[in-house]
Amino acid sequence: TTRPILYMLDGNGLFPLAVNRAIQTLPADKLPIIIGIG
């Protein structure tokens, strides 16, 4: 219940970049849910 959520446009092109960047830069317990609209 404590996870934040990030909605983003350009799901096809930017969603994979956001997910990759998230695991590269954020602690595992701080990762947000990411929703890409594509």
PDB file of all heavy atoms in Angstrom:
ATOM      1  N   THR A   1       0.802  -1.227   0.000  1.00  0.00           N
ATOM      2  CA  THR A   1       0.000   0.000   0.000  1.00  0.00           C
ATOM      3  C   THR A   1       0.834   1.275   0.000  1.00  0.00           C
ATOM      4  O   THR A   1       0.303   2.354  -0.247  1.00  0.00           O
ATOM      5  CB  THR A   1      -0.919   0.023   1.229  1.00  0.00           C
ATOM      6  OG1 THR A   1      -0.114  -0.091   2.415  1.00  0.00           O
ATOM      7  CG2 THR A   1      -1.916  -1.125   1.183  1.00  0.00           C
ATOM      8  N   THR A   2       2.123   1.171   0.276  1.00  0.00           N
ATOM      9  CA  THR A   2       2.955   2.371   0.356  1.00  0.00           C
ATOM     10  C   THR A   2       3.652   2.716  -0.962  1.00  0.00           C
ATOM     11  O   THR A   2       4.356   3.720  -1.042  1.00  0.00           O
ATOM     12  CB  THR A   2       4.035   2.210   1.440  1.00  0.00           C
ATOM     13  OG1 THR A   2       4.871   1.081   1.116  1.00  0.00           O
ATOM     14  CG2 THR A   2       3.395   1.981   2.805  1.00  0.00           C
ATOM     15  N   ARG A   3       3.485   1.907  -1.977  1.00  0.00           N
ATOM     16  CA  ARG A   3       4.158   2.165  -3.249  1.00  0.00           C
ATOM     17  C   ARG A   3       3.510   3.349  -3.986  1.00  0.00           C
ATOM     18  O   ARG A   3       2.287   3.426  -4.100  1.00  0.00           O
ATOM     19  CB  ARG A   3       4.087   0.945  -4.165  1.00  0.00           C
ATOM     20  CG  ARG A   3       4.825  -0.270  -3.650  1.00  0.00           C
ATOM     21  CD  ARG A   3       6.301  -0.197  -3.896  1.00  0.00           C
ATOM     22  NE  ARG A   3       6.961  -1.417  -3.420  1.00  0.00           N
ATOM     23  CZ  ARG A   3       8.246  -1.704  -3.604  1.00  0.00           C
ATOM     24  NH1 ARG A   3       9.016  -0.838  -4.262  1.00  0.00           N
ATOM     25  NH2 ARG A   3       8.765  -2.817  -3.151  1.00  0.00           N
ATOM     26  N   PRO A   4       4.329   4.261  -4.513  1.00  0.00           N
ATOM     27  CA  PRO A   4       3.779   5.308  -5.378  1.00  0.00           C
ATOM     28  C   PRO A   4       3.522   4.741  -6.768  1.00  0.00           C
ATOM     29  O   PRO A   4       3.967   3.626  -7.088  1.00  0.00           O
ATOM     30  CB  PRO A   4       4.897   6.350  -5.408  1.00  0.00           C
ATOM     31  CG  PRO A   4       6.154   5.545  -5.230  1.00  0.00           C
ATOM     32  CD  PRO A   4       5.769   4.411  -4.302  1.00  0.00           C
ATOM     33  N   ILE A   5       2.816   5.506  -7.591  1.00  0.00           N
ATOM     34  CA  ILE A   5       2.547   5.066  -8.954  1.00  0.00           C
ATOM     35  C   ILE A   5       2.863   6.197  -9.928  1.00  0.00           C
ATOM     36  O   ILE A   5       2.553   7.364  -9.666  1.00  0.00           O
ATOM     37  CB  ILE A   5       1.083   4.585  -9.103  1.00  0.00           C
ATOM     38  CG1 ILE A   5       0.851   3.948 -10.479  1.00  0.00           C
ATOM     39  CG2 ILE A   5       0.090   5.711  -8.842  1.00  0.00           C
ATOM     40  CD1 ILE A   5      -0.462   3.173 -10.579  1.00  0.00           C
ATOM     41  N   LEU A   6       3.512   5.839 -11.015  1.00  0.00           N
ATOM     42  CA  LEU A   6       3.899   6.799 -12.053  1.00  0.00           C
ATOM     43  C   LEU A   6       3.186   6.437 -13.344  1.00  0.00           C
ATOM     44  O   LEU A   6       3.410   5.366 -13.918  1.00  0.00           O
ATOM     45  CB  LEU A   6       5.417   6.765 -12.265  1.00  0.00           C
ATOM     46  CG  LEU A   6       5.983   7.596 -13.429  1.00  0.00           C
ATOM     47  CD1 LEU A   6       5.726   9.084 -13.217  1.00  0.00           C
ATOM     48  CD2 LEU A   6       7.472   7.328 -13.602  1.00  0.00           C
ATOM     49  N   TYR A   7       2.305   7.335 -13.799  1.00  0.00           N
ATOM     50  CA  TYR A   7       1.654   7.168 -15.095  1.00  0.00           C
ATOM     51  C   TYR A   7       2.466   7.947 -16.122  1.00  0.00           C
ATOM     52  O   TYR A   7       2.862   9.099 -15.870  1.00  0.00           O
ATOM     53  CB  TYR A   7       0.230   7.721 -15.061  1.00  0.00           C
ATOM     54  CG  TYR A   7      -0.733   6.941 -14.195  1.00  0.00           C
ATOM     55  CD1 TYR A   7      -0.923   7.284 -12.858  1.00  0.00           C
ATOM     56  CD2 TYR A   7      -1.473   5.880 -14.713  1.00  0.00           C
ATOM     57  CE1 TYR A   7      -1.819   6.590 -12.051  1.00  0.00           C
ATOM     58  CE2 TYR A   7      -2.373   5.178 -13.915  1.00  0.00           C
ATOM     59  CZ  TYR A   7      -2.538   5.535 -12.585  1.00  0.00           C
ATOM     60  OH  TYR A   7      -3.428   4.834 -11.806  1.00  0.00           O
ATOM     61  N   MET A   8       2.680   7.369 -17.294  1.00  0.00           N
ATOM     62  CA  MET A   8       3.490   8.054 -18.295  1.00  0.00           C
ATOM     63  C   MET A   8       2.955   7.851 -19.700  1.00  0.00           C
ATOM     64  O   MET A   8       2.376   6.812 -20.030  1.00  0.00           O
ATOM     65  CB  MET A   8       4.945   7.598 -18.208  1.00  0.00           C
ATOM     66  CG  MET A   8       5.172   6.118 -18.431  1.00  0.00           C
ATOM     67  SD  MET A   8       6.907   5.651 -18.170  1.00  0.00           S
ATOM     68  CE  MET A   8       7.709   6.660 -19.418  1.00  0.00           C
ATOM     69  N   LEU A   9       3.145   8.880 -20.518  1.00  0.00           N
ATOM     70  CA  LEU A   9       2.788   8.821 -21.938  1.00  0.00           C
ATOM     71  C   LEU A   9       3.901   8.127 -22.719  1.00  0.00           C
ATOM     72  O   LEU A   9       4.964   7.840 -22.180  1.00  0.00           O
ATOM     73  CB  LEU A   9       2.550  10.224 -22.486  1.00  0.00           C
ATOM     74  CG  LEU A   9       1.251  10.965 -22.132  1.00  0.00           C
ATOM     75  CD1 LEU A   9       0.036  10.163 -22.581  1.00  0.00           C
ATOM     76  CD2 LEU A   9       1.162  11.300 -20.661  1.00  0.00           C
ATOM     77  N   ASP A  10       3.659   7.874 -24.007  1.00  0.00           N
ATOM     78  CA  ASP A  10       4.636   7.206 -24.876  1.00  0.00           C
ATOM     79  C   ASP A  10       5.085   5.876 -24.279  1.00  0.00           C
ATOM     80  O   ASP A  10       6.279   5.585 -24.149  1.00  0.00           O
ATOM     81  CB  ASP A  10       5.848   8.111 -25.144  1.00  0.00           C
ATOM     82  CG  ASP A  10       5.557   9.176 -26.188  1.00  0.00           C
ATOM     83  OD1 ASP A  10       4.953   8.843 -27.234  1.00  0.00           O
ATOM     84  OD2 ASP A  10       5.918  10.350 -25.968  1.00  0.00           O
ATOM     85  N   GLY A  11       4.097   5.064 -23.931  1.00  0.00           N
ATOM     86  CA  GLY A  11       4.406   3.776 -23.328  1.00  0.00           C
ATOM     87  C   GLY A  11       5.285   2.887 -24.191  1.00  0.00           C
ATOM     88  O   GLY A  11       6.143   2.171 -23.664  1.00  0.00           O
ATOM     89  N   ASN A  12       5.095   2.912 -25.501  1.00  0.00           N
ATOM     90  CA  ASN A  12       5.912   2.066 -26.374  1.00  0.00           C
ATOM     91  C   ASN A  12       7.391   2.434 -26.303  1.00  0.00           C
ATOM     92  O   ASN A  12       8.262   1.568 -26.154  1.00  0.00           O
ATOM     93  CB  ASN A  12       5.444   2.188 -27.826  1.00  0.00           C
ATOM     94  CG  ASN A  12       4.053   1.633 -28.049  1.00  0.00           C
ATOM     95  OD1 ASN A  12       3.143   1.905 -27.283  1.00  0.00           O
ATOM     96  ND2 ASN A  12       3.874   0.871 -29.117  1.00  0.00           N
ATOM     97  N   GLY A  13       7.683   3.733 -26.404  1.00  0.00           N
ATOM     98  CA  GLY A  13       9.072   4.163 -26.508  1.00  0.00           C
ATOM     99  C   GLY A  13       9.756   4.494 -25.201  1.00  0.00           C
ATOM    100  O   GLY A  13      10.965   4.309 -25.066  1.00  0.00           O
ATOM    101  N   LEU A  14       9.000   4.982 -24.205  1.00  0.00           N
ATOM    102  CA  LEU A  14       9.622   5.466 -22.971  1.00  0.00           C
ATOM    103  C   LEU A  14       9.424   4.552 -21.762  1.00  0.00           C
ATOM    104  O   LEU A  14      10.236   4.583 -20.836  1.00  0.00           O
ATOM    105  CB  LEU A  14       9.098   6.867 -22.628  1.00  0.00           C
ATOM    106  CG  LEU A  14       9.381   7.965 -23.660  1.00  0.00           C
ATOM    107  CD1 LEU A  14       9.001   9.329 -23.097  1.00  0.00           C
ATOM    108  CD2 LEU A  14      10.838   7.967 -24.111  1.00  0.00           C
ATOM    109  N   PHE A  15       8.380   3.742 -21.761  1.00  0.00           N
ATOM    110  CA  PHE A  15       8.154   2.836 -20.633  1.00  0.00           C
ATOM    111  C   PHE A  15       9.359   1.925 -20.378  1.00  0.00           C
ATOM    112  O   PHE A  15       9.809   1.822 -19.225  1.00  0.00           O
ATOM    113  CB  PHE A  15       6.882   2.020 -20.870  1.00  0.00           C
ATOM    114  CG  PHE A  15       6.642   0.922 -19.872  1.00  0.00           C
ATOM    115  CD1 PHE A  15       6.062   1.199 -18.638  1.00  0.00           C
ATOM    116  CD2 PHE A  15       6.985  -0.390 -20.163  1.00  0.00           C
ATOM    117  CE1 PHE A  15       5.841   0.175 -17.712  1.00  0.00           C
ATOM    118  CE2 PHE A  15       6.768  -1.411 -19.260  1.00  0.00           C
ATOM    119  CZ  PHE A  15       6.192  -1.137 -18.024  1.00  0.00           C
ATOM    120  N   PRO A  16       9.930   1.274 -21.397  1.00  0.00           N
ATOM    121  CA  PRO A  16      11.097   0.427 -21.116  1.00  0.00           C
ATOM    122  C   PRO A  16      12.277   1.216 -20.545  1.00  0.00           C
ATOM    123  O   PRO A  16      12.989   0.722 -19.669  1.00  0.00           O
ATOM    124  CB  PRO A  16      11.452  -0.160 -22.503  1.00  0.00           C
ATOM    125  CG  PRO A  16      10.203  -0.039 -23.300  1.00  0.00           C
ATOM    126  CD  PRO A  16       9.549   1.216 -22.827  1.00  0.00           C
ATOM    127  N   LEU A  17      12.473   2.437 -21.030  1.00  0.00           N
ATOM    128  CA  LEU A  17      13.567   3.269 -20.524  1.00  0.00           C
ATOM    129  C   LEU A  17      13.337   3.621 -19.061  1.00  0.00           C
ATOM    130  O   LEU A  17      14.281   3.645 -18.262  1.00  0.00           O
ATOM    131  CB  LEU A  17      13.701   4.540 -21.352  1.00  0.00           C
ATOM    132  CG  LEU A  17      13.929   4.380 -22.855  1.00  0.00           C
ATOM    133  CD1 LEU A  17      14.100   5.746 -23.512  1.00  0.00           C
ATOM    134  CD2 LEU A  17      15.144   3.497 -23.124  1.00  0.00           C
ATOM    135  N   ALA A  18      12.081   3.908 -18.700  1.00  0.00           N
ATOM    136  CA  ALA A  18      11.762   4.261 -17.320  1.00  0.00           C
ATOM    137  C   ALA A  18      11.959   3.075 -16.383  1.00  0.00           C
ATOM    138  O   ALA A  18      12.501   3.220 -15.280  1.00  0.00           O
ATOM    139  CB  ALA A  18      10.330   4.781 -17.233  1.00  0.00           C
ATOM    140  N   VAL A  19      11.536   1.909 -16.807  1.00  0.00           N
ATOM    141  CA  VAL A  19      11.695   0.709 -15.977  1.00  0.00           C
ATOM    142  C   VAL A  19      13.178   0.390 -15.800  1.00  0.00           C
ATOM    143  O   VAL A  19      13.639   0.099 -14.688  1.00  0.00           O
ATOM    144  CB  VAL A  19      10.938  -0.485 -16.590  1.00  0.00           C
ATOM    145  CG1 VAL A  19      11.209  -1.761 -15.795  1.00  0.00           C
ATOM    146  CG2 VAL A  19       9.444  -0.202 -16.627  1.00  0.00           C
ATOM    147  N   ASN A  20      13.931   0.459 -16.904  1.00  0.00           N
ATOM    148  CA  ASN A  20      15.373   0.206 -16.814  1.00  0.00           C
ATOM    149  C   ASN A  20      16.050   1.202 -15.884  1.00  0.00           C
ATOM    150  O   ASN A  20      16.882   0.838 -15.042  1.00  0.00           O
ATOM    151  CB  ASN A  20      16.014   0.285 -18.199  1.00  0.00           C
ATOM    152  CG  ASN A  20      15.609  -0.855 -19.111  1.00  0.00           C
ATOM    153  OD1 ASN A  20      15.082  -1.870 -18.655  1.00  0.00           O
ATOM    154  ND2 ASN A  20      15.825  -0.696 -20.396  1.00  0.00           N
ATOM    155  N   ARG A  21      15.710   2.475 -16.034  1.00  0.00           N
ATOM    156  CA  ARG A  21      16.332   3.507 -15.203  1.00  0.00           C
ATOM    157  C   ARG A  21      15.952   3.328 -13.733  1.00  0.00           C
ATOM    158  O   ARG A  21      16.746   3.585 -12.836  1.00  0.00           O
ATOM    159  CB  ARG A  21      15.936   4.891 -15.707  1.00  0.00           C
ATOM    160  CG  ARG A  21      16.545   6.067 -14.937  1.00  0.00           C
ATOM    161  CD  ARG A  21      18.068   5.992 -14.900  1.00  0.00           C
ATOM    162  NE  ARG A  21      18.690   6.089 -16.177  1.00  0.00           N
ATOM    163  CZ  ARG A  21      19.139   7.219 -16.718  1.00  0.00           C
ATOM    164  NH1 ARG A  21      18.993   8.354 -16.072  1.00  0.00           N
ATOM    165  NH2 ARG A  21      19.739   7.206 -17.885  1.00  0.00           N
ATOM    166  N   ALA A  22      14.723   2.892 -13.493  1.00  0.00           N
ATOM    167  CA  ALA A  22      14.268   2.695 -12.115  1.00  0.00           C
ATOM    168  C   ALA A  22      15.126   1.656 -11.393  1.00  0.00           C
ATOM    169  O   ALA A  22      15.586   1.891 -10.271  1.00  0.00           O
ATOM    170  CB  ALA A  22      12.798   2.284 -12.100  1.00  0.00           C
ATOM    171  N   ILE A  23      15.369   0.500 -12.019  1.00  0.00           N
ATOM    172  CA  ILE A  23      16.135  -0.543 -11.329  1.00  0.00           C
ATOM    173  C   ILE A  23      17.613  -0.177 -11.248  1.00  0.00           C
ATOM    174  O   ILE A  23      18.335  -0.702 -10.400  1.00  0.00           O
ATOM    175  CB  ILE A  23      15.952  -1.922 -11.993  1.00  0.00           C
ATOM    176  CG1 ILE A  23      16.619  -1.965 -13.374  1.00  0.00           C
ATOM    177  CG2 ILE A  23      14.482  -2.300 -12.067  1.00  0.00           C
ATOM    178  CD1 ILE A  23      16.811  -3.379 -13.907  1.00  0.00           C
ATOM    179  N   GLN A  24      18.073   0.708 -12.125  1.00  0.00           N
ATOM    180  CA  GLN A  24      19.463   1.126 -12.110  1.00  0.00           C
ATOM    181  C   GLN A  24      19.753   2.190 -11.049  1.00  0.00           C
ATOM    182  O   GLN A  24      20.901   2.328 -10.609  1.00  0.00           O
ATOM    183  CB  GLN A  24      19.868   1.665 -13.490  1.00  0.00           C
ATOM    184  CG  GLN A  24      19.881   0.636 -14.593  1.00  0.00           C
ATOM    185  CD  GLN A  24      19.899   1.271 -15.981  1.00  0.00           C
ATOM    186  OE1 GLN A  24      19.916   2.490 -16.113  1.00  0.00           O
ATOM    187  NE2 GLN A  24      19.884   0.448 -17.007  1.00  0.00           N
ATOM    188  N   THR A  25      18.734   2.933 -10.641  1.00  0.00           N
ATOM    189  CA  THR A  25      18.983   4.109  -9.814  1.00  0.00           C
ATOM    190  C   THR A  25      18.257   4.143  -8.484  1.00  0.00           C
ATOM    191  O   THR A  25      18.593   4.963  -7.628  1.00  0.00           O
ATOM    192  CB  THR A  25      18.605   5.397 -10.579  1.00  0.00           C
ATOM    193  OG1 THR A  25      17.211   5.351 -10.915  1.00  0.00           O
ATOM    194  CG2 THR A  25      19.427   5.535 -11.855  1.00  0.00           C
ATOM    195  N   LEU A  26      17.258   3.287  -8.303  1.00  0.00           N
ATOM    196  CA  LEU A  26      16.463   3.338  -7.076  1.00  0.00           C
ATOM    197  C   LEU A  26      16.630   2.061  -6.260  1.00  0.00           C
ATOM    198  O   LEU A  26      16.772   0.968  -6.821  1.00  0.00           O
ATOM    199  CB  LEU A  26      14.980   3.529  -7.405  1.00  0.00           C
ATOM    200  CG  LEU A  26      14.591   4.810  -8.150  1.00  0.00           C
ATOM    201  CD1 LEU A  26      13.111   4.756  -8.507  1.00  0.00           C
ATOM    202  CD2 LEU A  26      14.903   6.044  -7.320  1.00  0.00           C
ATOM    203  N   PRO A  27      16.606   2.179  -4.933  1.00  0.00           N
ATOM    204  CA  PRO A  27      16.612   0.985  -4.091  1.00  0.00           C
ATOM    205  C   PRO A  27      15.374   0.138  -4.367  1.00  0.00           C
ATOM    206  O   PRO A  27      14.313   0.669  -4.704  1.00  0.00           O
ATOM    207  CB  PRO A  27      16.586   1.551  -2.662  1.00  0.00           C
ATOM    208  CG  PRO A  27      17.052   2.961  -2.795  1.00  0.00           C
ATOM    209  CD  PRO A  27      16.589   3.421  -4.143  1.00  0.00           C
ATOM    210  N   ALA A  28      15.502  -1.165  -4.207  1.00  0.00           N
ATOM    211  CA  ALA A  28      14.398  -2.069  -4.532  1.00  0.00           C
ATOM    212  C   ALA A  28      13.139  -1.742  -3.754  1.00  0.00           C
ATOM    213  O   ALA A  28      12.021  -1.871  -4.274  1.00  0.00           O
ATOM    214  CB  ALA A  28      14.822  -3.513  -4.273  1.00  0.00           C
ATOM    215  N   ASP A  29      13.296  -1.296  -2.494  1.00  0.00           N
ATOM    216  CA  ASP A  29      12.109  -1.018  -1.695  1.00  0.00           C
ATOM    217  C   ASP A  29      11.497   0.346  -1.994  1.00  0.00           C
ATOM    218  O   ASP A  29      10.475   0.712  -1.396  1.00  0.00           O
ATOM    219  CB  ASP A  29      12.428  -1.128  -0.201  1.00  0.00           C
ATOM    220  CG  ASP A  29      13.481  -0.119   0.247  1.00  0.00           C
ATOM    221  OD1 ASP A  29      14.146   0.481  -0.628  1.00  0.00           O
ATOM    222  OD2 ASP A  29      13.642   0.061   1.465  1.00  0.00           O
ATOM    223  N   LYS A  30      12.085   1.110  -2.909  1.00  0.00           N
ATOM    224  CA  LYS A  30      11.567   2.425  -3.282  1.00  0.00           C
ATOM    225  C   LYS A  30      10.989   2.452  -4.697  1.00  0.00           C
ATOM    226  O   LYS A  30      10.495   3.488  -5.155  1.00  0.00           O
ATOM    227  CB  LYS A  30      12.669   3.478  -3.184  1.00  0.00           C
ATOM    228  CG  LYS A  30      13.261   3.649  -1.790  1.00  0.00           C
ATOM    229  CD  LYS A  30      12.245   4.202  -0.813  1.00  0.00           C
ATOM    230  CE  LYS A  30      12.887   4.478   0.543  1.00  0.00           C
ATOM    231  NZ  LYS A  30      11.898   4.983   1.530  1.00  0.00           N
ATOM    232  N   LEU A  31      11.057   1.331  -5.390  1.00  0.00           N
ATOM    233  CA  LEU A  31      10.602   1.301  -6.781  1.00  0.00           C
ATOM    234  C   LEU A  31       9.107   1.615  -6.869  1.00  0.00           C
ATOM    235  O   LEU A  31       8.302   1.050  -6.135  1.00  0.00           O
ATOM    236  CB  LEU A  31      10.869  -0.066  -7.401  1.00  0.00           C
ATOM    237  CG  LEU A  31      12.334  -0.450  -7.606  1.00  0.00           C
ATOM    238  CD1 LEU A  31      12.437  -1.906  -8.045  1.00  0.00           C
ATOM    239  CD2 LEU A  31      12.995   0.463  -8.633  1.00  0.00           C
ATOM    240  N   PRO A  32       8.718   2.495  -7.801  1.00  0.00           N
ATOM    241  CA  PRO A  32       7.295   2.788  -7.980  1.00  0.00           C
ATOM    242  C   PRO A  32       6.639   1.798  -8.931  1.00  0.00           C
ATOM    243  O   PRO A  32       7.315   1.112  -9.705  1.00  0.00           O
ATOM    244  CB  PRO A  32       7.322   4.182  -8.611  1.00  0.00           C
ATOM    245  CG  PRO A  32       8.559   4.142  -9.470  1.00  0.00           C
ATOM    246  CD  PRO A  32       9.563   3.327  -8.683  1.00  0.00           C
ATOM    247  N   ILE A  33       5.334   1.707  -8.867  1.00  0.00           N
ATOM    248  CA  ILE A  33       4.590   1.062  -9.942  1.00  0.00           C
ATOM    249  C   ILE A  33       4.643   2.015 -11.131  1.00  0.00           C
ATOM    250  O   ILE A  33       4.487   3.216 -10.977  1.00  0.00           O
ATOM    251  CB  ILE A  33       3.137   0.807  -9.516  1.00  0.00           C
ATOM    252  CG1 ILE A  33       3.082  -0.230  -8.397  1.00  0.00           C
ATOM    253  CG2 ILE A  33       2.282   0.354 -10.710  1.00  0.00           C
ATOM    254  CD1 ILE A  33       1.687  -0.439  -7.818  1.00  0.00           C
ATOM    255  N   ILE A  34       4.889   1.486 -12.313  1.00  0.00           N
ATOM    256  CA  ILE A  34       4.976   2.325 -13.514  1.00  0.00           C
ATOM    257  C   ILE A  34       3.933   1.850 -14.522  1.00  0.00           C
ATOM    258  O   ILE A  34       3.884   0.661 -14.873  1.00  0.00           O
ATOM    259  CB  ILE A  34       6.381   2.263 -14.143  1.00  0.00           C
ATOM    260  CG1 ILE A  34       7.441   2.694 -13.120  1.00  0.00           C
ATOM    261  CG2 ILE A  34       6.448   3.151 -15.387  1.00  0.00           C
ATOM    262  CD1 ILE A  34       8.871   2.574 -13.634  1.00  0.00           C
ATOM    263  N   ILE A  35       3.106   2.771 -14.966  1.00  0.00           N
ATOM    264  CA  ILE A  35       2.071   2.483 -15.959  1.00  0.00           C
ATOM    265  C   ILE A  35       2.374   3.295 -17.216  1.00  0.00           C
ATOM    266  O   ILE A  35       2.437   4.526 -17.171  1.00  0.00           O
ATOM    267  CB  ILE A  35       0.664   2.853 -15.441  1.00  0.00           C
ATOM    268  CG1 ILE A  35       0.359   2.150 -14.114  1.00  0.00           C
ATOM    269  CG2 ILE A  35      -0.390   2.528 -16.495  1.00  0.00           C
ATOM    270  CD1 ILE A  35       0.275   0.650 -14.215  1.00  0.00           C
ATOM    271  N   GLY A  36       2.568   2.626 -18.333  1.00  0.00           N
ATOM    272  CA  GLY A  36       2.851   3.293 -19.600  1.00  0.00           C
ATOM    273  C   GLY A  36       1.655   3.215 -20.534  1.00  0.00           C
ATOM    274  O   GLY A  36       1.109   2.132 -20.768  1.00  0.00           O
ATOM    275  N   ILE A  37       1.244   4.351 -21.061  1.00  0.00           N
ATOM    276  CA  ILE A  37       0.112   4.405 -21.982  1.00  0.00           C
ATOM    277  C   ILE A  37       0.655   4.365 -23.402  1.00  0.00           C
ATOM    278  O   ILE A  37       1.299   5.302 -23.864  1.00  0.00           O
ATOM    279  CB  ILE A  37      -0.714   5.687 -21.760  1.00  0.00           C
ATOM    280  CG1 ILE A  37      -1.169   5.776 -20.297  1.00  0.00           C
ATOM    281  CG2 ILE A  37      -1.914   5.728 -22.704  1.00  0.00           C
ATOM    282  CD1 ILE A  37      -1.739   7.127 -19.922  1.00  0.00           C
ATOM    283  N   GLY A  38       0.437   3.257 -24.091  1.00  0.00           N
ATOM    284  CA  GLY A  38       0.974   3.089 -25.437  1.00  0.00           C
ATOM    285  C   GLY A  38      -0.073   2.581 -26.411  1.00  0.00           C
ATOM    286  O   GLY A  38      -1.288   2.736 -26.195  1.00  0.00           O
TER     287      GLY A  38
END
